[in-house]
Amino acid sequence: MNNLPTNQSNAWTPSLQEREARVEHRTWIGGRVLTLLNHYWREDDPAEMTAAIGADWADVLEGMPQGAIQKACIQYQRDEPRRK
């Protein structure tokens, strides 16, 4: 993942478990966002665009717990009139 920020100061390095948890959480976010976006999907979107969209959303949502993200996605699906 080339888009992950680096620790410039080297004062703190996350443990392997913390790094794995971060990757797992970002992967979950990406899957959740892509599922939500699938309600508006265009089949001609290239795979690179799909990956970039997922990475952008993971950057935005990374600090939030899964439960909060899930609740927001459900609320959005209930309230958004433009879905398929």
PDB file of N, CA and C in Angstrom:
ATOM      1  N   MET A   1       0.840  -1.182   0.000  1.00  0.00           N
ATOM      2  CA  MET A   1       0.000   0.000   0.000  1.00  0.00           C
ATOM      3  C   MET A   1       0.880   1.239   0.000  1.00  0.00           C
ATOM      4  N   ASN A   2       1.067   1.798  -1.145  1.00  0.00           N
ATOM      5  CA  ASN A   2       1.924   2.964  -1.263  1.00  0.00           C
ATOM      6  C   ASN A   2       1.295   4.226  -0.714  1.00  0.00           C
ATOM      7  N   ASN A   3      -0.003   4.233  -0.452  1.00  0.00           N
ATOM      8  CA  ASN A   3      -0.649   5.440   0.017  1.00  0.00           C
ATOM      9  C   ASN A   3      -0.653   5.568   1.533  1.00  0.00           C
ATOM     10  N   LEU A   4      -0.055   4.616   2.260  1.00  0.00           N
ATOM     11  CA  LEU A   4      -0.031   4.702   3.709  1.00  0.00           C
ATOM     12  C   LEU A   4       1.017   5.721   4.156  1.00  0.00           C
ATOM     13  N   PRO A   5       0.665   6.553   5.141  1.00  0.00           N
ATOM     14  CA  PRO A   5       1.643   7.527   5.618  1.00  0.00           C
ATOM     15  C   PRO A   5       2.806   6.817   6.301  1.00  0.00           C
ATOM     16  N   THR A   6       3.947   7.454   6.262  1.00  0.00           N
ATOM     17  CA  THR A   6       5.116   6.882   6.930  1.00  0.00           C
ATOM     18  C   THR A   6       5.393   7.665   8.199  1.00  0.00           C
ATOM     19  N   ASN A   7       6.072   7.029   9.114  1.00  0.00           N
ATOM     20  CA  ASN A   7       6.442   7.663  10.369  1.00  0.00           C
ATOM     21  C   ASN A   7       7.784   8.359  10.150  1.00  0.00           C
ATOM     22  N   GLN A   8       7.736   9.643   9.865  1.00  0.00           N
ATOM     23  CA  GLN A   8       8.933  10.391   9.504  1.00  0.00           C
ATOM     24  C   GLN A   8       9.933  10.514  10.656  1.00  0.00           C
ATOM     25  N   SER A   9       9.454  10.623  11.896  1.00  0.00           N
ATOM     26  CA  SER A   9      10.353  10.879  13.023  1.00  0.00           C
ATOM     27  C   SER A   9      11.014   9.615  13.555  1.00  0.00           C
ATOM     28  N   ASN A  10      10.472   8.458  13.226  1.00  0.00           N
ATOM     29  CA  ASN A  10      10.973   7.185  13.736  1.00  0.00           C
ATOM     30  C   ASN A  10      10.947   7.109  15.261  1.00  0.00           C
ATOM     31  N   ALA A  11      10.209   8.023  15.917  1.00  0.00           N
ATOM     32  CA  ALA A  11      10.113   8.009  17.365  1.00  0.00           C
ATOM     33  C   ALA A  11       9.232   6.860  17.844  1.00  0.00           C
ATOM     34  N   TRP A  12       8.320   6.432  17.018  1.00  0.00           N
ATOM     35  CA  TRP A  12       7.417   5.356  17.383  1.00  0.00           C
ATOM     36  C   TRP A  12       7.172   4.496  16.170  1.00  0.00           C
ATOM     37  N   THR A  13       7.282   3.218  16.355  1.00  0.00           N
ATOM     38  CA  THR A  13       7.011   2.274  15.275  1.00  0.00           C
ATOM     39  C   THR A  13       5.929   1.326  15.758  1.00  0.00           C
ATOM     40  N   PRO A  14       4.821   1.237  15.013  1.00  0.00           N
ATOM     41  CA  PRO A  14       3.759   0.327  15.444  1.00  0.00           C
ATOM     42  C   PRO A  14       4.226  -1.120  15.394  1.00  0.00           C
ATOM     43  N   SER A  15       3.668  -1.906  16.282  1.00  0.00           N
ATOM     44  CA  SER A  15       4.010  -3.329  16.315  1.00  0.00           C
ATOM     45  C   SER A  15       3.433  -4.026  15.086  1.00  0.00           C
ATOM     46  N   LEU A  16       3.901  -5.218  14.849  1.00  0.00           N
ATOM     47  CA  LEU A  16       3.392  -6.017  13.742  1.00  0.00           C
ATOM     48  C   LEU A  16       1.886  -6.227  13.902  1.00  0.00           C
ATOM     49  N   GLN A  17       1.438  -6.481  15.108  1.00  0.00           N
ATOM     50  CA  GLN A  17       0.012  -6.679  15.365  1.00  0.00           C
ATOM     51  C   GLN A  17      -0.776  -5.404  15.055  1.00  0.00           C
ATOM     52  N   GLU A  18      -0.250  -4.242  15.422  1.00  0.00           N
ATOM     53  CA  GLU A  18      -0.926  -2.968  15.125  1.00  0.00           C
ATOM     54  C   GLU A  18      -0.976  -2.717  13.622  1.00  0.00           C
ATOM     55  N   ARG A  19       0.118  -3.015  12.930  1.00  0.00           N
ATOM     56  CA  ARG A  19       0.139  -2.831  11.474  1.00  0.00           C
ATOM     57  C   ARG A  19      -0.855  -3.766  10.794  1.00  0.00           C
ATOM     58  N   GLU A  20      -0.894  -5.027  11.245  1.00  0.00           N
ATOM     59  CA  GLU A  20      -1.837  -5.988  10.677  1.00  0.00           C
ATOM     60  C   GLU A  20      -3.272  -5.568  10.946  1.00  0.00           C
ATOM     61  N   ALA A  21      -3.541  -5.066  12.149  1.00  0.00           N
ATOM     62  CA  ALA A  21      -4.893  -4.607  12.483  1.00  0.00           C
ATOM     63  C   ALA A  21      -5.283  -3.417  11.617  1.00  0.00           C
ATOM     64  N   ARG A  22      -4.324  -2.531  11.362  1.00  0.00           N
ATOM     65  CA  ARG A  22      -4.600  -1.368  10.518  1.00  0.00           C
ATOM     66  C   ARG A  22      -4.933  -1.815   9.097  1.00  0.00           C
ATOM     67  N   VAL A  23      -4.143  -2.708   8.549  1.00  0.00           N
ATOM     68  CA  VAL A  23      -4.388  -3.208   7.194  1.00  0.00           C
ATOM     69  C   VAL A  23      -5.745  -3.911   7.135  1.00  0.00           C
ATOM     70  N   GLU A  24      -6.040  -4.724   8.132  1.00  0.00           N
ATOM     71  CA  GLU A  24      -7.321  -5.437   8.174  1.00  0.00           C
ATOM     72  C   GLU A  24      -8.491  -4.452   8.230  1.00  0.00           C
ATOM     73  N   HIS A  25      -8.366  -3.406   9.054  1.00  0.00           N
ATOM     74  CA  HIS A  25      -9.431  -2.404   9.181  1.00  0.00           C
ATOM     75  C   HIS A  25      -9.604  -1.644   7.871  1.00  0.00           C
ATOM     76  N   ARG A  26      -8.504  -1.249   7.237  1.00  0.00           N
ATOM     77  CA  ARG A  26      -8.594  -0.539   5.959  1.00  0.00           C
ATOM     78  C   ARG A  26      -9.204  -1.435   4.883  1.00  0.00           C
ATOM     79  N   THR A  27      -8.883  -2.710   4.893  1.00  0.00           N
ATOM     80  CA  THR A  27      -9.464  -3.643   3.931  1.00  0.00           C
ATOM     81  C   THR A  27     -10.964  -3.752   4.153  1.00  0.00           C
ATOM     82  N   TRP A  28     -11.380  -3.838   5.417  1.00  0.00           N
ATOM     83  CA  TRP A  28     -12.808  -3.895   5.734  1.00  0.00           C
ATOM     84  C   TRP A  28     -13.502  -2.623   5.251  1.00  0.00           C
ATOM     85  N   ILE A  29     -12.909  -1.463   5.520  1.00  0.00           N
ATOM     86  CA  ILE A  29     -13.490  -0.194   5.067  1.00  0.00           C
ATOM     87  C   ILE A  29     -13.640  -0.205   3.555  1.00  0.00           C
ATOM     88  N   GLY A  30     -12.594  -0.592   2.851  1.00  0.00           N
ATOM     89  CA  GLY A  30     -12.646  -0.625   1.392  1.00  0.00           C
ATOM     90  C   GLY A  30     -13.768  -1.504   0.889  1.00  0.00           C
ATOM     91  N   GLY A  31     -13.935  -2.679   1.482  1.00  0.00           N
ATOM     92  CA  GLY A  31     -15.009  -3.573   1.075  1.00  0.00           C
ATOM     93  C   GLY A  31     -16.373  -2.989   1.375  1.00  0.00           C
ATOM     94  N   ARG A  32     -16.505  -2.354   2.533  1.00  0.00           N
ATOM     95  CA  ARG A  32     -17.798  -1.764   2.914  1.00  0.00           C
ATOM     96  C   ARG A  32     -18.153  -0.618   1.982  1.00  0.00           C
ATOM     97  N   VAL A  33     -17.171   0.229   1.674  1.00  0.00           N
ATOM     98  CA  VAL A  33     -17.409   1.372   0.792  1.00  0.00           C
ATOM     99  C   VAL A  33     -17.740   0.898  -0.618  1.00  0.00           C
ATOM    100  N   LEU A  34     -16.999  -0.070  -1.122  1.00  0.00           N
ATOM    101  CA  LEU A  34     -17.272  -0.564  -2.467  1.00  0.00           C
ATOM    102  C   LEU A  34     -18.646  -1.214  -2.549  1.00  0.00           C
ATOM    103  N   THR A  35     -19.060  -1.878  -1.482  1.00  0.00           N
ATOM    104  CA  THR A  35     -20.410  -2.435  -1.452  1.00  0.00           C
ATOM    105  C   THR A  35     -21.436  -1.315  -1.526  1.00  0.00           C
ATOM    106  N   LEU A  36     -21.228  -0.273  -0.742  1.00  0.00           N
ATOM    107  CA  LEU A  36     -22.152   0.862  -0.754  1.00  0.00           C
ATOM    108  C   LEU A  36     -22.150   1.551  -2.118  1.00  0.00           C
ATOM    109  N   LEU A  37     -20.973   1.751  -2.687  1.00  0.00           N
ATOM    110  CA  LEU A  37     -20.890   2.405  -3.989  1.00  0.00           C
ATOM    111  C   LEU A  37     -21.493   1.548  -5.095  1.00  0.00           C
ATOM    112  N   ASN A  38     -21.569   0.251  -4.880  1.00  0.00           N
ATOM    113  CA  ASN A  38     -22.133  -0.632  -5.886  1.00  0.00           C
ATOM    114  C   ASN A  38     -23.588  -0.285  -6.203  1.00  0.00           C
ATOM    115  N   HIS A  39     -24.246   0.398  -5.305  1.00  0.00           N
ATOM    116  CA  HIS A  39     -25.607   0.845  -5.571  1.00  0.00           C
ATOM    117  C   HIS A  39     -25.633   1.881  -6.688  1.00  0.00           C
ATOM    118  N   TYR A  40     -24.500   2.464  -7.016  1.00  0.00           N
ATOM    119  CA  TYR A  40     -24.399   3.518  -8.023  1.00  0.00           C
ATOM    120  C   TYR A  40     -23.389   3.152  -9.107  1.00  0.00           C
ATOM    121  N   TRP A  41     -22.969   1.913  -9.143  1.00  0.00           N
ATOM    122  CA  TRP A  41     -21.817   1.492  -9.937  1.00  0.00           C
ATOM    123  C   TRP A  41     -22.029   1.635 -11.428  1.00  0.00           C
ATOM    124  N   ARG A  42     -20.954   1.960 -12.108  1.00  0.00           N
ATOM    125  CA  ARG A  42     -20.913   1.909 -13.566  1.00  0.00           C
ATOM    126  C   ARG A  42     -19.961   0.785 -13.929  1.00  0.00           C
ATOM    127  N   GLU A  43     -20.401  -0.115 -14.756  1.00  0.00           N
ATOM    128  CA  GLU A  43     -19.595  -1.288 -15.073  1.00  0.00           C
ATOM    129  C   GLU A  43     -18.335  -0.968 -15.863  1.00  0.00           C
ATOM    130  N   ASP A  44     -18.279   0.223 -16.463  1.00  0.00           N
ATOM    131  CA  ASP A  44     -17.110   0.561 -17.260  1.00  0.00           C
ATOM    132  C   ASP A  44     -15.986   1.202 -16.441  1.00  0.00           C
ATOM    133  N   ASP A  45     -16.156   1.312 -15.125  1.00  0.00           N
ATOM    134  CA  ASP A  45     -15.081   1.850 -14.292  1.00  0.00           C
ATOM    135  C   ASP A  45     -13.902   0.879 -14.296  1.00  0.00           C
ATOM    136  N   PRO A  46     -12.694   1.386 -14.562  1.00  0.00           N
ATOM    137  CA  PRO A  46     -11.522   0.490 -14.543  1.00  0.00           C
ATOM    138  C   PRO A  46     -11.200   0.040 -13.120  1.00  0.00           C
ATOM    139  N   ALA A  47     -10.567  -1.110 -13.014  1.00  0.00           N
ATOM    140  CA  ALA A  47     -10.203  -1.666 -11.706  1.00  0.00           C
ATOM    141  C   ALA A  47      -9.327  -0.707 -10.919  1.00  0.00           C
ATOM    142  N   GLU A  48      -8.463   0.039 -11.600  1.00  0.00           N
ATOM    143  CA  GLU A  48      -7.586   0.997 -10.913  1.00  0.00           C
ATOM    144  C   GLU A  48      -8.405   2.099 -10.245  1.00  0.00           C
ATOM    145  N   MET A  49      -9.492   2.521 -10.892  1.00  0.00           N
ATOM    146  CA  MET A  49     -10.354   3.544 -10.307  1.00  0.00           C
ATOM    147  C   MET A  49     -11.067   2.993  -9.079  1.00  0.00           C
ATOM    148  N   THR A  50     -11.528   1.767  -9.183  1.00  0.00           N
ATOM    149  CA  THR A  50     -12.179   1.125  -8.049  1.00  0.00           C
ATOM    150  C   THR A  50     -11.228   1.049  -6.854  1.00  0.00           C
ATOM    151  N   ALA A  51      -9.986   0.655  -7.096  1.00  0.00           N
ATOM    152  CA  ALA A  51      -8.991   0.570  -6.024  1.00  0.00           C
ATOM    153  C   ALA A  51      -8.710   1.947  -5.429  1.00  0.00           C
ATOM    154  N   ALA A  52      -8.628   2.964  -6.267  1.00  0.00           N
ATOM    155  CA  ALA A  52      -8.357   4.321  -5.784  1.00  0.00           C
ATOM    156  C   ALA A  52      -9.511   4.839  -4.933  1.00  0.00           C
ATOM    157  N   ILE A  53     -10.742   4.554  -5.333  1.00  0.00           N
ATOM    158  CA  ILE A  53     -11.906   4.966  -4.549  1.00  0.00           C
ATOM    159  C   ILE A  53     -11.861   4.307  -3.170  1.00  0.00           C
ATOM    160  N   GLY A  54     -11.591   3.011  -3.145  1.00  0.00           N
ATOM    161  CA  GLY A  54     -11.495   2.305  -1.865  1.00  0.00           C
ATOM    162  C   GLY A  54     -10.398   2.865  -0.975  1.00  0.00           C
ATOM    163  N   ALA A  55      -9.249   3.179  -1.554  1.00  0.00           N
ATOM    164  CA  ALA A  55      -8.143   3.736  -0.777  1.00  0.00           C
ATOM    165  C   ALA A  55      -8.489   5.121  -0.234  1.00  0.00           C
ATOM    166  N   ASP A  56      -9.158   5.934  -1.041  1.00  0.00           N
ATOM    167  CA  ASP A  56      -9.566   7.263  -0.578  1.00  0.00           C
ATOM    168  C   ASP A  56     -10.493   7.158   0.630  1.00  0.00           C
ATOM    169  N   TRP A  57     -11.474   6.278   0.545  1.00  0.00           N
ATOM    170  CA  TRP A  57     -12.407   6.128   1.647  1.00  0.00           C
ATOM    171  C   TRP A  57     -11.732   5.535   2.871  1.00  0.00           C
ATOM    172  N   ALA A  58     -10.805   4.616   2.684  1.00  0.00           N
ATOM    173  CA  ALA A  58     -10.077   4.058   3.826  1.00  0.00           C
ATOM    174  C   ALA A  58      -9.275   5.150   4.523  1.00  0.00           C
ATOM    175  N   ASP A  59      -8.682   6.082   3.747  1.00  0.00           N
ATOM    176  CA  ASP A  59      -7.956   7.206   4.344  1.00  0.00           C
ATOM    177  C   ASP A  59      -8.891   8.059   5.207  1.00  0.00           C
ATOM    178  N   VAL A  60     -10.085   8.307   4.702  1.00  0.00           N
ATOM    179  CA  VAL A  60     -11.044   9.161   5.412  1.00  0.00           C
ATOM    180  C   VAL A  60     -11.592   8.474   6.662  1.00  0.00           C
ATOM    181  N   LEU A  61     -11.892   7.185   6.567  1.00  0.00           N
ATOM    182  CA  LEU A  61     -12.612   6.483   7.628  1.00  0.00           C
ATOM    183  C   LEU A  61     -11.734   5.658   8.560  1.00  0.00           C
ATOM    184  N   GLU A  62     -10.452   5.614   8.321  1.00  0.00           N
ATOM    185  CA  GLU A  62      -9.565   4.707   9.054  1.00  0.00           C
ATOM    186  C   GLU A  62      -9.655   4.848  10.567  1.00  0.00           C
ATOM    187  N   GLY A  63      -9.810   6.047  11.078  1.00  0.00           N
ATOM    188  CA  GLY A  63      -9.831   6.252  12.528  1.00  0.00           C
ATOM    189  C   GLY A  63     -11.156   5.943  13.195  1.00  0.00           C
ATOM    190  N   MET A  64     -12.145   5.547  12.417  1.00  0.00           N
ATOM    191  CA  MET A  64     -13.474   5.294  12.973  1.00  0.00           C
ATOM    192  C   MET A  64     -13.687   3.794  13.178  1.00  0.00           C
ATOM    193  N   PRO A  65     -14.425   3.419  14.222  1.00  0.00           N
ATOM    194  CA  PRO A  65     -14.696   1.992  14.446  1.00  0.00           C
ATOM    195  C   PRO A  65     -15.686   1.440  13.431  1.00  0.00           C
ATOM    196  N   GLN A  66     -15.612   0.135  13.206  1.00  0.00           N
ATOM    197  CA  GLN A  66     -16.474  -0.507  12.222  1.00  0.00           C
ATOM    198  C   GLN A  66     -17.950  -0.293  12.516  1.00  0.00           C
ATOM    199  N   GLY A  67     -18.333  -0.340  13.781  1.00  0.00           N
ATOM    200  CA  GLY A  67     -19.739  -0.164  14.133  1.00  0.00           C
ATOM    201  C   GLY A  67     -20.279   1.189  13.698  1.00  0.00           C
ATOM    202  N   ALA A  68     -19.483   2.237  13.871  1.00  0.00           N
ATOM    203  CA  ALA A  68     -19.907   3.585  13.466  1.00  0.00           C
ATOM    204  C   ALA A  68     -20.011   3.689  11.947  1.00  0.00           C
ATOM    205  N   ILE A  69     -19.062   3.080  11.240  1.00  0.00           N
ATOM    206  CA  ILE A  69     -19.095   3.093   9.773  1.00  0.00           C
ATOM    207  C   ILE A  69     -20.319   2.335   9.278  1.00  0.00           C
ATOM    208  N   GLN A  70     -20.560   1.165   9.851  1.00  0.00           N
ATOM    209  CA  GLN A  70     -21.709   0.354   9.443  1.00  0.00           C
ATOM    210  C   GLN A  70     -23.011   1.108   9.676  1.00  0.00           C
ATOM    211  N   LYS A  71     -23.156   1.739  10.831  1.00  0.00           N
ATOM    212  CA  LYS A  71     -24.373   2.491  11.153  1.00  0.00           C
ATOM    213  C   LYS A  71     -24.579   3.628  10.150  1.00  0.00           C
ATOM    214  N   ALA A  72     -23.511   4.348   9.828  1.00  0.00           N
ATOM    215  CA  ALA A  72     -23.611   5.449   8.867  1.00  0.00           C
ATOM    216  C   ALA A  72     -23.995   4.939   7.482  1.00  0.00           C
ATOM    217  N   CYS A  73     -23.442   3.793   7.073  1.00  0.00           N
ATOM    218  CA  CYS A  73     -23.781   3.226   5.764  1.00  0.00           C
ATOM    219  C   CYS A  73     -25.247   2.828   5.701  1.00  0.00           C
ATOM    220  N   ILE A  74     -25.748   2.224   6.758  1.00  0.00           N
ATOM    221  CA  ILE A  74     -27.158   1.834   6.793  1.00  0.00           C
ATOM    222  C   ILE A  74     -28.052   3.063   6.742  1.00  0.00           C
ATOM    223  N   GLN A  75     -27.709   4.084   7.516  1.00  0.00           N
ATOM    224  CA  GLN A  75     -28.501   5.308   7.513  1.00  0.00           C
ATOM    225  C   GLN A  75     -28.492   5.955   6.134  1.00  0.00           C
ATOM    226  N   TYR A  76     -27.340   5.964   5.489  1.00  0.00           N
ATOM    227  CA  TYR A  76     -27.224   6.531   4.147  1.00  0.00           C
ATOM    228  C   TYR A  76     -28.119   5.768   3.165  1.00  0.00           C
ATOM    229  N   GLN A  77     -28.097   4.453   3.251  1.00  0.00           N
ATOM    230  CA  GLN A  77     -28.917   3.642   2.346  1.00  0.00           C
ATOM    231  C   GLN A  77     -30.401   3.897   2.570  1.00  0.00           C
ATOM    232  N   ARG A  78     -30.781   4.131   3.804  1.00  0.00           N
ATOM    233  CA  ARG A  78     -32.192   4.408   4.092  1.00  0.00           C
ATOM    234  C   ARG A  78     -32.626   5.776   3.576  1.00  0.00           C
ATOM    235  N   ASP A  79     -31.737   6.754   3.677  1.00  0.00           N
ATOM    236  CA  ASP A  79     -32.105   8.149   3.413  1.00  0.00           C
ATOM    237  C   ASP A  79     -31.764   8.648   2.012  1.00  0.00           C
ATOM    238  N   GLU A  80     -30.856   7.994   1.315  1.00  0.00           N
ATOM    239  CA  GLU A  80     -30.381   8.500   0.021  1.00  0.00           C
ATOM    240  C   GLU A  80     -31.349   8.100  -1.091  1.00  0.00           C
ATOM    241  N   PRO A  81     -32.011   9.065  -1.721  1.00  0.00           N
ATOM    242  CA  PRO A  81     -32.994   8.736  -2.745  1.00  0.00           C
ATOM    243  C   PRO A  81     -32.399   8.391  -4.120  1.00  0.00           C
ATOM    244  N   ARG A  82     -31.086   8.601  -4.325  1.00  0.00           N
ATOM    245  CA  ARG A  82     -30.518   8.404  -5.655  1.00  0.00           C
ATOM    246  C   ARG A  82     -29.940   7.019  -5.895  1.00  0.00           C
ATOM    247  N   ARG A  83     -30.090   6.112  -4.965  1.00  0.00           N
ATOM    248  CA  ARG A  83     -29.523   4.771  -5.168  1.00  0.00           C
ATOM    249  C   ARG A  83     -30.294   4.023  -6.248  1.00  0.00           C
ATOM    250  N   LYS A  84     -29.722   2.927  -6.748  1.00  0.00           N
ATOM    251  CA  LYS A  84     -30.358   2.117  -7.794  1.00  0.00           C
ATOM    252  C   LYS A  84     -31.747   1.698  -7.378  1.00  0.00           C
TER     253      LYS A  84
END
